[in-house]
């Protein structure tokens, strides 16, 4: 069965409710406002497609005979997620519940080209009947709608139609988004977040924003260029061509001073947007998490539990999330 035909509103509603813990057809009907007959037809279709499975009888409250419990079938569908960093390509394969089935890392040579990335993706991604597509997280700026990227710090990457080229090369649907947007989506997959930011400190520096529980990309897909806001007027030259950007000032500092630079910038971000949760990630943070945590302002701050695969997991969830 073609999985793309299952993306109707009601199909997504049922899958989302099962993912949220609705155990039986009766509880789904109650929460979705659908008739029991309609839910039975939808569930039967989703079971036939391999997306749902019955796990046994449960009481599910109330009286009468036990009802059959439902859950997402982990192997019912898969999605790939990739992170194009400035020195490596990380790729994960996700099952339907968002768990990592497999992962790989491919080093990228200095001054790597779009063709280098496409070749590495071709070797890392295996299309199949149940593979929904590939999500790619990459540094901005980019055009989310058209999948065209011009990432800072990557010479030769001006206005690259990455989505179109990857779809042609792999024969799969592809979505391209900023690495930081993928990161915050991964964090929101595990728990509800309302006004929050993932501050990503790796080879670059940026934020993914959730405002009112919704991903905020901005009018031109440019939101979250946190690393390219000015923090020191006469500061070091940045890869974006400006001076004194948070990314450049942070890169020029070490240890406690680097943590203080980031904390100052985060405090400005919290003050500007009235955020209530900050999640720290990226290789610099993961090297010294306690150092960065101690420097942060007085707001709920944590370090990601996804480790180095946060961005590729979030990129895969961009694809997988379409089913929900």
Protein backbone atom coordinates (compact mmCIF):
# COMPACT_ATOMS: atom_id res chain seq x y z
CA UNK A 1 0.00 0.00 0.00
CA UNK A 2 1.24 3.50 -0.86
CA UNK A 3 1.95 5.22 2.46
CA UNK A 4 1.53 8.64 0.88
CA UNK A 5 -2.17 7.88 0.42
CA UNK A 6 -2.59 7.55 4.18
CA UNK A 7 -1.88 11.17 5.02
CA UNK A 8 -5.46 12.36 5.29
CA UNK A 9 -6.48 14.45 8.27
CA UNK A 10 -8.27 11.56 10.00
CA UNK A 11 -5.40 9.14 9.42
CA UNK A 12 -2.97 11.61 10.96
CA UNK A 13 -5.34 12.24 13.86
CA UNK A 14 -5.58 8.55 14.70
CA UNK A 15 -1.80 8.03 14.45
CA UNK A 16 -1.17 11.09 16.60
CA UNK A 17 -3.60 9.91 19.29
CA UNK A 18 -2.09 6.43 19.38
CA UNK A 19 1.37 7.96 19.67
CA UNK A 20 0.04 10.09 22.57
CA UNK A 21 -1.26 7.04 24.39
CA UNK A 22 -4.83 6.42 23.21
CA UNK A 23 -5.00 2.66 23.62
CA UNK A 24 -8.24 1.52 22.01
CA UNK A 25 -10.58 2.30 19.15
CA UNK A 26 -13.17 3.55 21.65
CA UNK A 27 -10.80 6.03 23.27
CA UNK A 28 -9.66 7.24 19.84
CA UNK A 29 -13.28 7.81 18.78
CA UNK A 30 -13.99 9.76 21.96
CA UNK A 31 -10.93 11.98 21.69
CA UNK A 32 -11.11 12.53 17.93
CA UNK A 33 -14.84 13.19 17.77
CA UNK A 34 -15.28 10.45 15.17
CA UNK A 35 -17.83 7.66 15.08
CA UNK A 36 -16.69 4.20 16.25
CA UNK A 37 -17.43 2.91 12.75
CA UNK A 38 -15.18 5.53 11.15
CA UNK A 39 -12.38 4.81 13.60
CA UNK A 40 -12.64 1.07 12.96
CA UNK A 41 -12.23 1.64 9.21
CA UNK A 42 -9.28 3.98 9.70
CA UNK A 43 -7.57 1.63 12.16
CA UNK A 44 -8.10 -1.33 9.83
CA UNK A 45 -6.50 0.63 7.00
CA UNK A 46 -3.55 1.67 9.16
CA UNK A 47 -3.04 -1.90 10.38
CA UNK A 48 -3.12 -3.14 6.78
CA UNK A 49 -0.51 -0.53 5.92
CA UNK A 50 1.69 -1.80 8.75
CA UNK A 51 1.58 1.46 10.72
CA UNK A 52 -0.48 0.21 13.68
CA UNK A 53 -0.55 -3.11 15.49
CA UNK A 54 -2.69 -4.69 18.19
CA UNK A 55 -0.89 -5.61 21.38
CA UNK A 56 -3.53 -7.47 23.36
CA UNK A 57 -6.63 -6.79 25.43
CA UNK A 58 -6.95 -3.91 27.90
CA UNK A 59 -9.82 -2.66 30.01
CA UNK A 60 -9.30 0.97 28.91
CA UNK A 61 -11.72 2.09 31.64
CA UNK A 62 -15.42 1.49 31.91
CA UNK A 63 -17.30 -1.77 31.87
CA UNK A 64 -17.76 -4.52 29.37
CA UNK A 65 -15.36 -6.82 27.66
CA UNK A 66 -11.70 -5.82 27.31
CA UNK A 67 -10.75 -3.91 24.17
CA UNK A 68 -7.77 -4.50 21.89
CA UNK A 69 -4.90 -2.16 22.60
CA UNK A 70 -3.15 -0.38 19.75
CA UNK A 71 0.33 0.97 19.29
CA UNK A 72 2.51 2.31 16.52
CA UNK A 73 4.34 -0.42 14.63
CA UNK A 74 8.04 0.57 14.88
CA UNK A 75 8.88 -1.02 11.53
CA UNK A 76 5.79 0.26 9.75
CA UNK A 77 7.62 3.18 8.16
CA UNK A 78 11.08 4.68 8.17
CA UNK A 79 12.63 8.07 7.55
CA UNK A 80 16.21 9.17 7.09
CA UNK A 81 17.67 12.27 8.66
CA UNK A 82 20.98 13.88 7.74
CA UNK A 83 23.09 16.66 9.23
CA UNK A 84 25.51 18.45 6.92
CA UNK A 85 28.07 19.86 9.35
CA UNK A 86 31.18 21.75 8.27
CA UNK A 87 33.41 18.70 8.55
CA UNK A 88 31.13 15.62 8.52
CA UNK A 89 27.82 14.16 7.40
CA UNK A 90 25.72 12.39 10.05
CA UNK A 91 22.88 10.16 8.88
CA UNK A 92 20.29 8.26 10.93
CA UNK A 93 17.46 5.94 9.97
CA UNK A 94 14.38 6.32 12.18
CA UNK A 95 11.56 3.89 12.81
CA UNK A 96 7.93 5.01 13.05
CA UNK A 97 8.18 5.78 16.76
CA UNK A 98 11.21 8.01 16.22
CA UNK A 99 13.81 5.57 17.54
CA UNK A 100 17.18 5.36 15.80
CA UNK A 101 17.45 2.11 13.82
CA UNK A 102 20.91 2.82 12.41
CA UNK A 103 23.42 5.67 12.26
CA UNK A 104 26.53 6.54 10.31
CA UNK A 105 29.11 9.32 10.11
CA UNK A 106 31.01 10.26 6.95
CA UNK A 107 33.93 12.72 7.21
CA UNK A 108 33.77 15.62 4.78
CA UNK A 109 36.96 17.09 3.35
CA UNK A 110 37.74 20.79 3.77
CA UNK A 111 35.99 22.90 1.11
CA UNK A 112 33.61 20.03 0.32
CA UNK A 113 31.15 20.60 -2.51
CA UNK A 114 27.43 19.86 -2.90
CA UNK A 115 28.43 16.93 -5.10
CA UNK A 116 30.52 15.51 -2.23
CA UNK A 117 27.49 15.63 0.06
CA UNK A 118 25.18 14.04 -2.53
CA UNK A 119 27.67 11.23 -3.08
CA UNK A 120 27.92 10.61 0.67
CA UNK A 121 24.12 10.62 0.99
CA UNK A 122 23.77 8.15 -1.86
CA UNK A 123 26.09 5.76 -0.01
CA UNK A 124 24.27 6.22 3.34
CA UNK A 125 20.58 6.16 2.36
CA UNK A 126 18.78 3.03 1.17
CA UNK A 127 15.41 3.82 -0.47
CA UNK A 128 12.67 1.26 0.03
CA UNK A 129 8.92 0.75 -0.05
CA UNK A 130 8.48 1.92 3.54
CA UNK A 131 11.00 4.76 3.47
CA UNK A 132 9.01 7.99 3.58
CA UNK A 133 11.86 10.29 2.65
CA UNK A 134 14.95 12.15 3.79
CA UNK A 135 15.24 15.26 5.94
CA UNK A 136 18.42 17.33 5.73
CA UNK A 137 19.57 19.78 8.39
CA UNK A 138 22.18 22.33 7.33
CA UNK A 139 23.40 25.74 8.41
CA UNK A 140 21.58 28.82 7.11
CA UNK A 141 20.75 30.99 5.37
CA UNK A 142 18.32 28.92 3.32
CA UNK A 143 14.90 29.01 1.71
CA UNK A 144 12.79 26.38 3.45
CA UNK A 145 10.00 26.49 0.87
CA UNK A 146 12.23 25.84 -2.13
CA UNK A 147 15.00 23.86 -0.43
CA UNK A 148 17.70 26.24 -1.67
CA UNK A 149 20.69 26.75 0.64
CA UNK A 150 23.52 29.29 0.98
CA UNK A 151 25.16 28.27 4.27
CA UNK A 152 27.67 30.58 5.92
CA UNK A 153 31.21 29.28 5.93
CA UNK A 154 30.83 26.92 2.97
CA UNK A 155 32.45 28.44 -0.15
CA UNK A 156 30.80 27.33 -3.38
CA UNK A 157 27.44 26.79 -1.71
CA UNK A 158 25.62 29.90 -2.92
CA UNK A 159 21.96 29.28 -3.85
CA UNK A 160 22.35 25.50 -4.12
CA UNK A 161 19.01 23.74 -4.91
CA UNK A 162 19.84 20.99 -2.43
CA UNK A 163 16.34 19.55 -2.12
CA UNK A 164 15.84 19.18 -5.86
CA UNK A 165 19.28 17.72 -6.42
CA UNK A 166 18.92 15.23 -3.55
CA UNK A 167 15.48 14.12 -4.72
CA UNK A 168 16.80 13.54 -8.23
CA UNK A 169 19.81 11.65 -6.95
CA UNK A 170 18.07 9.47 -4.34
CA UNK A 171 14.60 9.03 -5.78
CA UNK A 172 13.02 9.99 -2.44
CA UNK A 173 11.01 12.96 -1.16
CA UNK A 174 13.41 15.36 0.55
CA UNK A 175 12.86 18.25 2.96
CA UNK A 176 15.65 20.70 3.81
CA UNK A 177 15.65 22.88 6.92
CA UNK A 178 18.09 24.69 9.15
CA UNK A 179 20.02 22.43 11.50
CA UNK A 180 18.75 24.39 14.51
CA UNK A 181 15.11 23.96 13.45
CA UNK A 182 15.66 20.22 13.19
CA UNK A 183 17.24 20.28 16.65
CA UNK A 184 14.32 21.98 18.37
CA UNK A 185 11.82 19.67 16.64
CA UNK A 186 13.69 16.67 18.04
CA UNK A 187 13.47 18.10 21.56
CA UNK A 188 9.76 18.83 21.15
CA UNK A 189 9.12 15.26 19.95
CA UNK A 190 9.88 13.91 23.42
CA UNK A 191 8.03 16.45 25.56
CA UNK A 192 5.74 19.45 25.14
CA UNK A 193 7.58 22.76 24.73
CA UNK A 194 5.90 26.14 24.40
CA UNK A 195 8.34 29.06 24.42
CA UNK A 196 11.73 27.46 24.12
CA UNK A 197 15.00 27.50 22.24
CA UNK A 198 17.67 24.96 21.41
CA UNK A 199 21.01 26.78 21.50
CA UNK A 200 23.32 24.82 19.22
CA UNK A 201 27.04 25.37 19.72
CA UNK A 202 29.02 23.30 17.25
CA UNK A 203 31.18 24.31 14.32
CA UNK A 204 28.65 27.13 14.02
CA UNK A 205 26.27 28.70 16.52
CA UNK A 206 22.52 29.23 16.20
CA UNK A 207 19.13 28.63 17.80
CA UNK A 208 15.97 26.79 16.94
CA UNK A 209 12.87 28.55 18.26
CA UNK A 210 9.49 27.31 19.43
CA UNK A 211 7.11 30.18 20.12
CA UNK A 212 3.66 29.32 21.42
CA UNK A 213 4.46 25.67 20.76
CA UNK A 214 5.07 26.28 17.04
CA UNK A 215 8.35 26.20 15.15
CA UNK A 216 9.31 29.75 14.21
CA UNK A 217 11.14 29.99 10.87
CA UNK A 218 10.50 33.68 10.21
CA UNK A 219 9.25 35.52 7.12
CA UNK A 220 12.19 34.42 4.95
CA UNK A 221 13.31 31.22 6.75
CA UNK A 222 15.90 33.37 8.51
CA UNK A 223 14.88 33.11 12.16
CA UNK A 224 17.45 31.67 14.54
CA UNK A 225 20.59 33.27 13.10
CA UNK A 226 21.54 33.87 16.72
CA UNK A 227 25.24 33.32 16.07
CA UNK A 228 25.27 36.26 13.67
CA UNK A 229 23.90 38.86 16.05
CA UNK A 230 26.46 41.41 17.21
CA UNK A 231 27.73 41.17 20.78
CA UNK A 232 30.99 43.12 20.44
CA UNK A 233 31.16 46.12 18.10
CA UNK A 234 34.91 45.89 17.48
CA UNK A 235 35.06 42.11 17.76
CA UNK A 236 36.67 39.49 15.51
CA UNK A 237 35.66 38.97 11.90
CA UNK A 238 32.92 36.36 11.41
CA UNK A 239 32.40 33.94 8.52
CA UNK A 240 29.32 35.98 7.58
CA UNK A 241 31.53 39.00 6.88
CA UNK A 242 30.52 41.07 9.90
CA UNK A 243 32.47 41.76 13.08
CA UNK A 244 31.69 40.88 16.66
CA UNK A 245 29.05 38.20 16.02
CA UNK A 246 28.29 35.87 18.92
CA UNK A 247 29.70 32.95 16.91
CA UNK A 248 33.02 34.72 16.24
CA UNK A 249 33.43 36.09 19.77
CA UNK A 250 32.62 32.69 21.27
CA UNK A 251 35.07 30.94 18.92
CA UNK A 252 37.85 33.36 19.95
CA UNK A 253 37.32 32.61 23.66
CA UNK A 254 38.09 29.46 25.64
CA UNK A 255 36.85 27.71 28.76
CA UNK A 256 34.94 29.81 31.26
CA UNK A 257 35.16 32.92 29.08
CA UNK A 258 33.53 31.08 26.14
CA UNK A 259 30.73 29.92 28.43
CA UNK A 260 30.26 33.49 29.69
CA UNK A 261 30.01 34.82 26.13
CA UNK A 262 27.30 32.31 25.32
CA UNK A 263 25.47 32.96 28.60
CA UNK A 264 25.39 36.70 27.88
CA UNK A 265 23.93 36.10 24.44
CA UNK A 266 21.38 33.62 25.81
CA UNK A 267 20.32 36.11 28.50
CA UNK A 268 19.63 38.64 25.72
CA UNK A 269 17.61 36.04 23.83
CA UNK A 270 15.54 35.14 26.89
CA UNK A 271 14.91 38.82 27.62
CA UNK A 272 13.87 39.52 24.03
CA UNK A 273 11.49 36.58 23.54
CA UNK A 274 10.45 35.77 27.15
CA UNK A 275 11.50 32.15 26.79
CA UNK A 276 10.96 29.71 29.63
CA UNK A 277 13.16 26.81 28.51
CA UNK A 278 16.62 26.61 26.97
CA UNK A 279 18.20 23.38 25.72
CA UNK A 280 21.94 23.41 25.03
CA UNK A 281 23.52 21.20 22.38
CA UNK A 282 26.36 20.97 19.87
CA UNK A 283 29.82 19.49 20.15
CA UNK A 284 31.26 22.38 22.19
CA UNK A 285 28.56 22.05 24.84
CA UNK A 286 28.75 18.25 24.86
CA UNK A 287 32.49 18.47 25.58
CA UNK A 288 31.96 20.55 28.73
CA UNK A 289 28.24 20.50 29.64
CA UNK A 290 28.66 21.51 33.30
CA UNK A 291 30.82 24.49 32.35
CA UNK A 292 28.07 25.88 30.13
CA UNK A 293 25.25 25.02 32.50
CA UNK A 294 26.87 26.90 35.38
CA UNK A 295 27.19 30.05 33.27
CA UNK A 296 23.57 30.20 32.07
CA UNK A 297 21.03 32.82 33.20
CA UNK A 298 18.22 32.12 35.66
CA UNK A 299 15.89 30.16 33.41
CA UNK A 300 15.16 26.44 33.00
CA UNK A 301 18.26 25.17 31.18
CA UNK A 302 19.20 21.60 30.25
CA UNK A 303 21.60 19.78 27.95
CA UNK A 304 20.12 17.64 25.18
CA UNK A 305 19.83 13.93 25.85
CA UNK A 306 20.18 13.09 22.14
CA UNK A 307 23.94 13.63 22.09
CA UNK A 308 25.64 14.16 18.75
CA UNK A 309 22.69 12.86 16.71
CA UNK A 310 20.25 15.61 17.73
CA UNK A 311 20.17 17.34 14.33
CA UNK A 312 19.92 14.25 12.09
CA UNK A 313 17.19 12.83 14.35
CA UNK A 314 15.28 16.10 14.09
CA UNK A 315 15.78 16.14 10.33
CA UNK A 316 14.29 12.65 10.10
CA UNK A 317 11.37 13.77 12.25
CA UNK A 318 10.64 16.52 9.72
CA UNK A 319 9.69 13.67 7.36
CA UNK A 320 8.19 11.28 9.92
CA UNK A 321 6.12 14.03 11.50
CA UNK A 322 4.07 14.34 8.31
CA UNK A 323 2.30 11.12 9.30
CA UNK A 324 1.13 12.75 12.53
